[in-house]
Amino acid sequence: MKSFMELLFSLSFSEWMLMIQTTIMIIECRIRIIEFERKSAAIRSKENRHLSVHHFSNKR
């Protein structure tokens, strides 16, 4: 733990900024993946309901 703290304190400002930018980019990518998965699930749900309505209407 001590060596890790020494490493953090030895970083320059530009290295800190690079770490922060990388962390933000990773978080944004993860958020986009979650949003895409939610939208895909909603579309699949709508398609399944749409198909089931047509299925029942064809039996009449």
PDB file of N, CA and C in Angstrom:
ATOM      1  N   MET A   1       0.830  -1.196   0.000  1.00  0.00           N
ATOM      2  CA  MET A   1       0.000   0.000   0.000  1.00  0.00           C
ATOM      3  C   MET A   1       0.871   1.255   0.000  1.00  0.00           C
ATOM      4  N   LYS A   2       1.968   1.179   0.744  1.00  0.00           N
ATOM      5  CA  LYS A   2       2.861   2.340   0.820  1.00  0.00           C
ATOM      6  C   LYS A   2       3.471   2.648  -0.545  1.00  0.00           C
ATOM      7  N   SER A   3       3.894   1.620  -1.266  1.00  0.00           N
ATOM      8  CA  SER A   3       4.489   1.843  -2.586  1.00  0.00           C
ATOM      9  C   SER A   3       3.451   2.377  -3.576  1.00  0.00           C
ATOM     10  N   PHE A   4       2.218   1.951  -3.417  1.00  0.00           N
ATOM     11  CA  PHE A   4       1.150   2.460  -4.277  1.00  0.00           C
ATOM     12  C   PHE A   4       0.942   3.957  -4.041  1.00  0.00           C
ATOM     13  N   MET A   5       0.946   4.370  -2.791  1.00  0.00           N
ATOM     14  CA  MET A   5       0.797   5.789  -2.466  1.00  0.00           C
ATOM     15  C   MET A   5       1.981   6.587  -2.995  1.00  0.00           C
ATOM     16  N   GLU A   6       3.172   6.033  -2.881  1.00  0.00           N
ATOM     17  CA  GLU A   6       4.355   6.709  -3.423  1.00  0.00           C
ATOM     18  C   GLU A   6       4.239   6.867  -4.934  1.00  0.00           C
ATOM     19  N   LEU A   7       3.726   5.859  -5.584  1.00  0.00           N
ATOM     20  CA  LEU A   7       3.528   5.927  -7.031  1.00  0.00           C
ATOM     21  C   LEU A   7       2.533   7.029  -7.389  1.00  0.00           C
ATOM     22  N   LEU A   8       1.436   7.097  -6.658  1.00  0.00           N
ATOM     23  CA  LEU A   8       0.437   8.130  -6.927  1.00  0.00           C
ATOM     24  C   LEU A   8       1.007   9.532  -6.739  1.00  0.00           C
ATOM     25  N   PHE A   9       1.786   9.711  -5.696  1.00  0.00           N
ATOM     26  CA  PHE A   9       2.360  11.032  -5.433  1.00  0.00           C
ATOM     27  C   PHE A   9       3.454  11.395  -6.426  1.00  0.00           C
ATOM     28  N   SER A  10       4.029  10.406  -7.081  1.00  0.00           N
ATOM     29  CA  SER A  10       5.110  10.684  -8.029  1.00  0.00           C
ATOM     30  C   SER A  10       4.595  11.034  -9.431  1.00  0.00           C
ATOM     31  N   LEU A  11       3.303  10.886  -9.666  1.00  0.00           N
ATOM     32  CA  LEU A  11       2.755  11.178 -10.990  1.00  0.00           C
ATOM     33  C   LEU A  11       2.753  12.678 -11.268  1.00  0.00           C
ATOM     34  N   SER A  12       3.003  13.002 -12.510  1.00  0.00           N
ATOM     35  CA  SER A  12       2.946  14.406 -12.919  1.00  0.00           C
ATOM     36  C   SER A  12       1.493  14.804 -13.186  1.00  0.00           C
ATOM     37  N   PHE A  13       1.278  16.086 -13.377  1.00  0.00           N
ATOM     38  CA  PHE A  13      -0.071  16.591 -13.647  1.00  0.00           C
ATOM     39  C   PHE A  13      -0.641  15.977 -14.922  1.00  0.00           C
ATOM     40  N   SER A  14       0.167  15.903 -15.967  1.00  0.00           N
ATOM     41  CA  SER A  14      -0.322  15.338 -17.237  1.00  0.00           C
ATOM     42  C   SER A  14      -0.668  13.853 -17.085  1.00  0.00           C
ATOM     43  N   GLU A  15       0.076  13.141 -16.262  1.00  0.00           N
ATOM     44  CA  GLU A  15      -0.240  11.725 -16.029  1.00  0.00           C
ATOM     45  C   GLU A  15      -1.550  11.589 -15.249  1.00  0.00           C
ATOM     46  N   TRP A  16      -1.769  12.484 -14.285  1.00  0.00           N
ATOM     47  CA  TRP A  16      -3.033  12.487 -13.551  1.00  0.00           C
ATOM     48  C   TRP A  16      -4.195  12.755 -14.498  1.00  0.00           C
ATOM     49  N   MET A  17      -4.021  13.737 -15.374  1.00  0.00           N
ATOM     50  CA  MET A  17      -5.080  14.075 -16.324  1.00  0.00           C
ATOM     51  C   MET A  17      -5.368  12.902 -17.259  1.00  0.00           C
ATOM     52  N   LEU A  18      -4.335  12.223 -17.684  1.00  0.00           N
ATOM     53  CA  LEU A  18      -4.514  11.059 -18.550  1.00  0.00           C
ATOM     54  C   LEU A  18      -5.283   9.958 -17.825  1.00  0.00           C
ATOM     55  N   MET A  19      -4.946   9.725 -16.567  1.00  0.00           N
ATOM     56  CA  MET A  19      -5.669   8.718 -15.778  1.00  0.00           C
ATOM     57  C   MET A  19      -7.141   9.095 -15.621  1.00  0.00           C
ATOM     58  N   ILE A  20      -7.396  10.363 -15.349  1.00  0.00           N
ATOM     59  CA  ILE A  20      -8.775  10.825 -15.168  1.00  0.00           C
ATOM     60  C   ILE A  20      -9.556  10.698 -16.469  1.00  0.00           C
ATOM     61  N   GLN A  21      -8.954  11.110 -17.573  1.00  0.00           N
ATOM     62  CA  GLN A  21      -9.628  11.006 -18.872  1.00  0.00           C
ATOM     63  C   GLN A  21      -9.926   9.556 -19.229  1.00  0.00           C
ATOM     64  N   THR A  22      -8.982   8.673 -18.959  1.00  0.00           N
ATOM     65  CA  THR A  22      -9.178   7.251 -19.249  1.00  0.00           C
ATOM     66  C   THR A  22     -10.311   6.681 -18.402  1.00  0.00           C
ATOM     67  N   THR A  23     -10.334   7.045 -17.128  1.00  0.00           N
ATOM     68  CA  THR A  23     -11.394   6.574 -16.239  1.00  0.00           C
ATOM     69  C   THR A  23     -12.760   7.066 -16.704  1.00  0.00           C
ATOM     70  N   ILE A  24     -12.846   8.331 -17.081  1.00  0.00           N
ATOM     71  CA  ILE A  24     -14.113   8.890 -17.567  1.00  0.00           C
ATOM     72  C   ILE A  24     -14.548   8.183 -18.847  1.00  0.00           C
ATOM     73  N   MET A  25     -13.607   7.922 -19.738  1.00  0.00           N
ATOM     74  CA  MET A  25     -13.931   7.243 -20.990  1.00  0.00           C
ATOM     75  C   MET A  25     -14.475   5.836 -20.724  1.00  0.00           C
ATOM     76  N   ILE A  26     -13.869   5.124 -19.789  1.00  0.00           N
ATOM     77  CA  ILE A  26     -14.330   3.775 -19.448  1.00  0.00           C
ATOM     78  C   ILE A  26     -15.748   3.832 -18.877  1.00  0.00           C
ATOM     79  N   ILE A  27     -16.007   4.796 -17.999  1.00  0.00           N
ATOM     80  CA  ILE A  27     -17.341   4.938 -17.408  1.00  0.00           C
ATOM     81  C   ILE A  27     -18.373   5.277 -18.483  1.00  0.00           C
ATOM     82  N   GLU A  28     -18.033   6.195 -19.391  1.00  0.00           N
ATOM     83  CA  GLU A  28     -18.961   6.553 -20.469  1.00  0.00           C
ATOM     84  C   GLU A  28     -19.260   5.363 -21.373  1.00  0.00           C
ATOM     85  N   CYS A  29     -18.246   4.579 -21.685  1.00  0.00           N
ATOM     86  CA  CYS A  29     -18.462   3.390 -22.523  1.00  0.00           C
ATOM     87  C   CYS A  29     -19.379   2.401 -21.826  1.00  0.00           C
ATOM     88  N   ARG A  30     -19.180   2.209 -20.540  1.00  0.00           N
ATOM     89  CA  ARG A  30     -20.022   1.279 -19.791  1.00  0.00           C
ATOM     90  C   ARG A  30     -21.469   1.767 -19.761  1.00  0.00           C
ATOM     91  N   ILE A  31     -21.659   3.074 -19.599  1.00  0.00           N
ATOM     92  CA  ILE A  31     -23.012   3.642 -19.606  1.00  0.00           C
ATOM     93  C   ILE A  31     -23.669   3.431 -20.963  1.00  0.00           C
ATOM     94  N   ARG A  32     -22.916   3.628 -22.043  1.00  0.00           N
ATOM     95  CA  ARG A  32     -23.468   3.410 -23.388  1.00  0.00           C
ATOM     96  C   ARG A  32     -23.867   1.956 -23.586  1.00  0.00           C
ATOM     97  N   ILE A  33     -23.057   1.038 -23.085  1.00  0.00           N
ATOM     98  CA  ILE A  33     -23.380  -0.388 -23.204  1.00  0.00           C
ATOM     99  C   ILE A  33     -24.675  -0.693 -22.459  1.00  0.00           C
ATOM    100  N   ILE A  34     -24.817  -0.160 -21.250  1.00  0.00           N
ATOM    101  CA  ILE A  34     -26.029  -0.393 -20.461  1.00  0.00           C
ATOM    102  C   ILE A  34     -27.247   0.183 -21.177  1.00  0.00           C
ATOM    103  N   GLU A  35     -27.123   1.409 -21.714  1.00  0.00           N
ATOM    104  CA  GLU A  35     -28.241   2.019 -22.443  1.00  0.00           C
ATOM    105  C   GLU A  35     -28.604   1.203 -23.678  1.00  0.00           C
ATOM    106  N   PHE A  36     -27.602   0.716 -24.403  1.00  0.00           N
ATOM    107  CA  PHE A  36     -27.855  -0.099 -25.592  1.00  0.00           C
ATOM    108  C   PHE A  36     -28.575  -1.388 -25.216  1.00  0.00           C
ATOM    109  N   GLU A  37     -28.143  -2.030 -24.118  1.00  0.00           N
ATOM    110  CA  GLU A  37     -28.792  -3.266 -23.684  1.00  0.00           C
ATOM    111  C   GLU A  37     -30.244  -3.012 -23.291  1.00  0.00           C
ATOM    112  N   ARG A  38     -30.505  -1.890 -22.626  1.00  0.00           N
ATOM    113  CA  ARG A  38     -31.887  -1.563 -22.242  1.00  0.00           C
ATOM    114  C   ARG A  38     -32.750  -1.315 -23.471  1.00  0.00           C
ATOM    115  N   LYS A  39     -32.220  -0.552 -24.438  1.00  0.00           N
ATOM    116  CA  LYS A  39     -32.980  -0.276 -25.657  1.00  0.00           C
ATOM    117  C   LYS A  39     -33.238  -1.561 -26.429  1.00  0.00           C
ATOM    118  N   SER A  40     -32.251  -2.433 -26.505  1.00  0.00           N
ATOM    119  CA  SER A  40     -32.419  -3.702 -27.212  1.00  0.00           C
ATOM    120  C   SER A  40     -33.481  -4.555 -26.533  1.00  0.00           C
ATOM    121  N   ALA A  41     -33.468  -4.584 -25.212  1.00  0.00           N
ATOM    122  CA  ALA A  41     -34.469  -5.360 -24.482  1.00  0.00           C
ATOM    123  C   ALA A  41     -35.862  -4.787 -24.707  1.00  0.00           C
ATOM    124  N   ALA A  42     -35.980  -3.464 -24.735  1.00  0.00           N
ATOM    125  CA  ALA A  42     -37.286  -2.833 -24.964  1.00  0.00           C
ATOM    126  C   ALA A  42     -37.781  -3.130 -26.373  1.00  0.00           C
ATOM    127  N   ILE A  43     -36.898  -3.084 -27.352  1.00  0.00           N
ATOM    128  CA  ILE A  43     -37.284  -3.376 -28.738  1.00  0.00           C
ATOM    129  C   ILE A  43     -37.722  -4.831 -28.869  1.00  0.00           C
ATOM    130  N   ARG A  44     -36.968  -5.742 -28.256  1.00  0.00           N
ATOM    131  CA  ARG A  44     -37.347  -7.163 -28.309  1.00  0.00           C
ATOM    132  C   ARG A  44     -38.699  -7.383 -27.647  1.00  0.00           C
ATOM    133  N   SER A  45     -38.932  -6.698 -26.539  1.00  0.00           N
ATOM    134  CA  SER A  45     -40.211  -6.837 -25.840  1.00  0.00           C
ATOM    135  C   SER A  45     -41.358  -6.352 -26.720  1.00  0.00           C
ATOM    136  N   LYS A  46     -41.159  -5.204 -27.377  1.00  0.00           N
ATOM    137  CA  LYS A  46     -42.199  -4.680 -28.270  1.00  0.00           C
ATOM    138  C   LYS A  46     -42.426  -5.623 -29.443  1.00  0.00           C
ATOM    139  N   GLU A  47     -41.353  -6.178 -30.003  1.00  0.00           N
ATOM    140  CA  GLU A  47     -41.491  -7.108 -31.130  1.00  0.00           C
ATOM    141  C   GLU A  47     -42.242  -8.358 -30.702  1.00  0.00           C
ATOM    142  N   ASN A  48     -41.955  -8.862 -29.521  1.00  0.00           N
ATOM    143  CA  ASN A  48     -42.648 -10.060 -29.040  1.00  0.00           C
ATOM    144  C   ASN A  48     -44.131  -9.787 -28.840  1.00  0.00           C
ATOM    145  N   ARG A  49     -44.466  -8.625 -28.286  1.00  0.00           N
ATOM    146  CA  ARG A  49     -45.881  -8.279 -28.120  1.00  0.00           C
ATOM    147  C   ARG A  49     -46.544  -8.101 -29.474  1.00  0.00           C
ATOM    148  N   HIS A  50     -45.838  -7.482 -30.403  1.00  0.00           N
ATOM    149  CA  HIS A  50     -46.372  -7.253 -31.748  1.00  0.00           C
ATOM    150  C   HIS A  50     -46.653  -8.588 -32.438  1.00  0.00           C
ATOM    151  N   LEU A  51     -45.726  -9.524 -32.315  1.00  0.00           N
ATOM    152  CA  LEU A  51     -45.918 -10.835 -32.931  1.00  0.00           C
ATOM    153  C   LEU A  51     -47.068 -11.585 -32.279  1.00  0.00           C
ATOM    154  N   SER A  52     -47.190 -11.492 -30.968  1.00  0.00           N
ATOM    155  CA  SER A  52     -48.260 -12.226 -30.302  1.00  0.00           C
ATOM    156  C   SER A  52     -49.630 -11.662 -30.678  1.00  0.00           C
ATOM    157  N   VAL A  53     -49.736 -10.358 -30.881  1.00  0.00           N
ATOM    158  CA  VAL A  53     -51.008  -9.765 -31.301  1.00  0.00           C
ATOM    159  C   VAL A  53     -51.385 -10.288 -32.675  1.00  0.00           C
ATOM    160  N   HIS A  54     -50.440 -10.332 -33.594  1.00  0.00           N
ATOM    161  CA  HIS A  54     -50.727 -10.850 -34.930  1.00  0.00           C
ATOM    162  C   HIS A  54     -51.068 -12.336 -34.875  1.00  0.00           C
ATOM    163  N   HIS A  55     -50.409 -13.045 -33.986  1.00  0.00           N
ATOM    164  CA  HIS A  55     -50.679 -14.471 -33.858  1.00  0.00           C
ATOM    165  C   HIS A  55     -52.131 -14.699 -33.428  1.00  0.00           C
ATOM    166  N   PHE A  56     -52.606 -13.946 -32.436  1.00  0.00           N
ATOM    167  CA  PHE A  56     -53.970 -14.110 -31.970  1.00  0.00           C
ATOM    168  C   PHE A  56     -54.976 -13.612 -32.999  1.00  0.00           C
ATOM    169  N   SER A  57     -54.658 -12.542 -33.712  1.00  0.00           N
ATOM    170  CA  SER A  57     -55.612 -12.013 -34.681  1.00  0.00           C
ATOM    171  C   SER A  57     -55.763 -12.960 -35.874  1.00  0.00           C
ATOM    172  N   ASN A  58     -54.753 -13.741 -36.195  1.00  0.00           N
ATOM    173  CA  ASN A  58     -54.845 -14.682 -37.303  1.00  0.00           C
ATOM    174  C   ASN A  58     -55.740 -15.874 -36.961  1.00  0.00           C
ATOM    175  N   LYS A  59     -55.899 -16.178 -35.689  1.00  0.00           N
ATOM    176  CA  LYS A  59     -56.726 -17.319 -35.291  1.00  0.00           C
ATOM    177  C   LYS A  59     -58.214 -17.007 -35.381  1.00  0.00           C
ATOM    178  N   ARG A  60     -58.581 -15.751 -35.405  1.00  0.00           N
ATOM    179  CA  ARG A  60     -60.007 -15.389 -35.405  1.00  0.00           C
ATOM    180  C   ARG A  60     -60.684 -15.732 -36.660  1.00  0.00           C
TER     181      ARG A  60
END
